[in-house]
Amino acid sequence: MAKVMLRESEGIVYFYFAKKDMEETIESLEFDSEEMWGGNTKLSNGETWWIKPGVKKLPKEEVCKKIAE
């Protein structure tokens, strides 16, 4: 599990993992609505992370889990 920062700018959602100084954009989400946002998430570098589904409220700090590279 890793603590990441999620923020949105001009319709693009950024995923920042400070421990690795890695900032990527979110390319796709399992759940992508205002009421249910998150799940399996594909990043621009090809990695897949899991974000706990919930209401989309950005920016926020979230504990996420890396699923695949």
Protein backbone atom coordinates (compact mmCIF):
# COMPACT_ATOMS: atom_id res chain seq x y z
CA MET A 1 0.00 0.00 0.00
CA ALA A 2 1.23 3.48 -0.81
CA LYS A 3 0.05 6.96 0.05
CA VAL A 4 -0.50 9.00 -3.14
CA MET A 5 -1.86 12.44 -4.00
CA LEU A 6 -4.64 12.72 -6.57
CA ARG A 7 -5.42 16.06 -8.20
CA GLU A 8 -7.25 17.29 -11.28
CA SER A 9 -6.24 20.09 -13.64
CA GLU A 10 -8.02 20.97 -16.88
CA GLY A 11 -9.88 17.63 -16.93
CA ILE A 12 -6.71 15.53 -16.43
CA VAL A 13 -6.31 13.56 -13.19
CA TYR A 14 -2.75 13.34 -11.86
CA PHE A 15 -1.45 10.51 -9.67
CA TYR A 16 1.60 11.52 -7.59
CA PHE A 17 3.60 9.00 -5.54
CA ALA A 18 6.05 11.09 -3.49
CA LYS A 19 8.18 8.17 -2.27
CA LYS A 20 9.29 7.50 -5.89
CA ASP A 21 8.84 11.12 -7.06
CA MET A 22 6.54 9.68 -9.75
CA GLU A 23 3.77 11.72 -11.31
CA GLU A 24 1.61 10.09 -13.97
CA THR A 25 -1.78 10.80 -15.48
CA ILE A 26 -4.72 8.45 -15.02
CA GLU A 27 -5.65 6.95 -18.40
CA SER A 28 -8.64 4.83 -17.34
CA LEU A 29 -10.71 3.98 -14.27
CA GLU A 30 -12.93 1.03 -13.41
CA PHE A 31 -15.53 3.45 -11.97
CA ASP A 32 -15.61 6.93 -13.50
CA SER A 33 -18.60 8.90 -12.22
CA GLU A 34 -18.92 11.62 -9.60
CA GLU A 35 -20.72 9.23 -7.19
CA MET A 36 -18.49 6.16 -7.75
CA TRP A 37 -14.89 6.91 -8.70
CA GLY A 38 -11.80 4.64 -8.48
CA GLY A 39 -11.25 0.87 -8.61
CA ASN A 40 -8.61 -0.56 -10.96
CA THR A 41 -6.77 2.42 -12.44
CA LYS A 42 -4.45 2.41 -15.47
CA LEU A 43 -1.67 5.04 -15.41
CA SER A 44 0.17 6.64 -18.33
CA ASN A 45 3.31 4.59 -17.53
CA GLY A 46 1.38 1.31 -17.94
CA GLU A 47 1.08 0.46 -14.23
CA THR A 48 -2.24 -0.58 -12.70
CA TRP A 49 -3.15 0.64 -9.22
CA TRP A 50 -6.25 0.10 -7.09
CA ILE A 51 -7.96 3.17 -5.63
CA LYS A 52 -10.75 2.59 -3.11
CA PRO A 53 -14.00 3.47 -4.92
CA GLY A 54 -15.93 6.41 -3.53
CA VAL A 55 -17.20 9.89 -4.29
CA LYS A 56 -14.91 11.86 -6.62
CA LYS A 57 -13.54 14.68 -4.47
CA LEU A 58 -10.17 15.99 -5.65
CA PRO A 59 -7.54 16.93 -4.62
CA LYS A 60 -7.09 14.27 -1.98
CA GLU A 61 -4.52 12.00 -0.43
CA GLU A 62 -5.36 8.31 -0.80
CA VAL A 63 -3.83 4.96 0.20
CA CYS A 64 -3.59 2.87 -2.99
CA LYS A 65 -2.26 -0.55 -3.93
CA LYS A 66 -0.09 -1.36 -6.94
CA ILE A 67 -1.57 -4.30 -8.86
CA ALA A 68 0.66 -4.66 -11.96
CA GLU A 69 3.48 -3.02 -13.89
